[in-house]
């Protein structure tokens, strides 16, 4: 008896199967009109992401989130910056946080007169 994570299971379903399961789960009625189109992520199967969003552990603080956003130490005109929803203190785990952090980092790239963006 092999158990599989339900998130990974539904990620592998065809759109028609996914729609059926969602309708049954959310409404209990498979006879309501089906959506003409759906959009869903496959972040869980992406080898570079392996998930959809971050979460903070019990005992974590806002400072932990801020530390994720800190650039790597500056070496020879190179600056490595980090963006993403996990780096936004107020809106972590949200698309809005990802957007705001992406808007924040270009400003950080130009904060040193010796920085060069590649």
Protein backbone atom coordinates (compact mmCIF):
# COMPACT_ATOMS: atom_id res chain seq x y z
CA UNK A 1 0.00 0.00 0.00
CA UNK A 2 1.78 3.14 -1.25
CA UNK A 3 0.58 6.54 -0.09
CA UNK A 4 1.06 9.65 -2.18
CA UNK A 5 0.82 13.29 -1.16
CA UNK A 6 -2.58 14.56 -2.40
CA UNK A 7 -0.97 17.76 -3.70
CA UNK A 8 1.36 15.81 -5.97
CA UNK A 9 -1.48 13.52 -7.01
CA UNK A 10 -3.76 16.31 -8.24
CA UNK A 11 -0.84 18.08 -9.92
CA UNK A 12 -0.50 15.09 -12.25
CA UNK A 13 -4.18 14.96 -13.23
CA UNK A 14 -5.47 16.06 -16.61
CA UNK A 15 -7.42 19.32 -16.50
CA UNK A 16 -10.74 17.50 -17.02
CA UNK A 17 -10.07 15.22 -14.04
CA UNK A 18 -8.89 18.16 -11.95
CA UNK A 19 -12.06 20.14 -12.72
CA UNK A 20 -14.26 17.17 -11.80
CA UNK A 21 -12.52 16.70 -8.44
CA UNK A 22 -12.64 20.42 -7.63
CA UNK A 23 -16.34 20.67 -8.45
CA UNK A 24 -17.17 17.64 -6.35
CA UNK A 25 -15.04 18.84 -3.45
CA UNK A 26 -16.26 22.44 -3.50
CA UNK A 27 -19.92 21.90 -4.38
CA UNK A 28 -20.70 18.20 -4.13
CA UNK A 29 -22.51 18.59 -7.45
CA UNK A 30 -20.90 17.34 -10.65
CA UNK A 31 -23.79 18.67 -12.76
CA UNK A 32 -23.05 22.39 -12.46
CA UNK A 33 -21.54 24.05 -15.55
CA UNK A 34 -17.86 23.32 -15.89
CA UNK A 35 -15.39 26.14 -16.44
CA UNK A 36 -14.34 26.66 -20.05
CA UNK A 37 -10.74 27.14 -19.07
CA UNK A 38 -8.58 26.80 -15.97
CA UNK A 39 -5.11 27.99 -15.06
CA UNK A 40 -3.11 26.13 -12.47
CA UNK A 41 0.52 26.09 -11.44
CA UNK A 42 2.89 23.16 -11.58
CA UNK A 43 5.34 24.59 -9.07
CA UNK A 44 5.31 21.42 -7.00
CA UNK A 45 6.84 19.44 -9.86
CA UNK A 46 9.29 22.15 -10.92
CA UNK A 47 12.77 20.95 -9.83
CA UNK A 48 13.89 24.52 -9.10
CA UNK A 49 10.90 25.50 -6.97
CA UNK A 50 9.38 22.36 -5.41
CA UNK A 51 6.41 24.11 -3.90
CA UNK A 52 3.99 26.97 -4.27
CA UNK A 53 4.72 29.39 -1.46
CA UNK A 54 6.61 29.80 1.78
CA UNK A 55 5.44 29.61 5.35
CA UNK A 56 6.99 30.75 8.60
CA UNK A 57 7.59 28.25 11.35
CA UNK A 58 6.25 28.66 14.84
CA UNK A 59 8.77 30.79 16.70
CA UNK A 60 9.95 32.62 13.58
CA UNK A 61 9.97 36.39 13.54
CA UNK A 62 9.71 39.14 10.97
CA UNK A 63 13.47 39.51 11.26
CA UNK A 64 13.88 35.99 9.85
CA UNK A 65 11.96 37.06 6.74
CA UNK A 66 14.09 40.21 6.45
CA UNK A 67 17.27 38.13 6.62
CA UNK A 68 16.09 36.11 3.61
CA UNK A 69 15.95 39.36 1.63
CA UNK A 70 19.48 40.47 2.53
CA UNK A 71 21.95 40.41 -0.38
CA UNK A 72 25.00 38.19 -0.32
CA UNK A 73 28.21 39.94 0.75
CA UNK A 74 29.44 42.41 -1.86
CA UNK A 75 32.51 41.06 -3.70
CA UNK A 76 34.28 42.66 -6.70
CA UNK A 77 31.39 44.69 -8.14
CA UNK A 78 29.03 41.74 -7.78
CA UNK A 79 25.79 41.99 -5.89
CA UNK A 80 23.43 39.04 -5.50
CA UNK A 81 19.94 40.10 -4.43
CA UNK A 82 16.94 38.01 -3.43
CA UNK A 83 13.29 38.57 -4.26
CA UNK A 84 10.17 36.46 -3.91
CA UNK A 85 7.16 36.26 -1.66
CA UNK A 86 9.23 34.63 1.10
CA UNK A 87 11.31 37.82 1.39
CA UNK A 88 8.43 40.23 2.01
CA UNK A 89 7.79 40.80 5.72
CA UNK A 90 4.13 41.78 5.47
CA UNK A 91 2.91 39.86 2.41
CA UNK A 92 4.91 36.61 2.54
CA UNK A 93 3.19 33.60 0.96
CA UNK A 94 1.26 35.84 -1.44
CA UNK A 95 1.48 36.83 -5.09
CA UNK A 96 1.35 40.44 -3.93
CA UNK A 97 4.47 39.89 -1.80
CA UNK A 98 6.27 38.37 -4.79
CA UNK A 99 5.36 41.38 -6.94
CA UNK A 100 6.43 43.93 -4.33
CA UNK A 101 9.73 42.18 -3.64
CA UNK A 102 10.42 42.05 -7.38
CA UNK A 103 9.86 45.79 -7.54
CA UNK A 104 12.08 46.34 -4.47
CA UNK A 105 15.20 44.56 -5.68
CA UNK A 106 16.06 46.59 -8.79
CA UNK A 107 16.39 49.56 -6.41
CA UNK A 108 18.85 47.52 -4.32
CA UNK A 109 20.86 46.66 -7.43
CA UNK A 110 21.65 50.30 -8.00
CA UNK A 111 22.27 51.28 -4.37
CA UNK A 112 26.06 51.12 -4.83
CA UNK A 113 27.90 53.28 -7.39
CA UNK A 114 30.07 50.24 -8.15
CA UNK A 115 27.19 47.87 -8.91
CA UNK A 116 26.66 46.49 -12.38
CA UNK A 117 23.56 44.65 -13.49
CA UNK A 118 24.21 41.74 -15.85
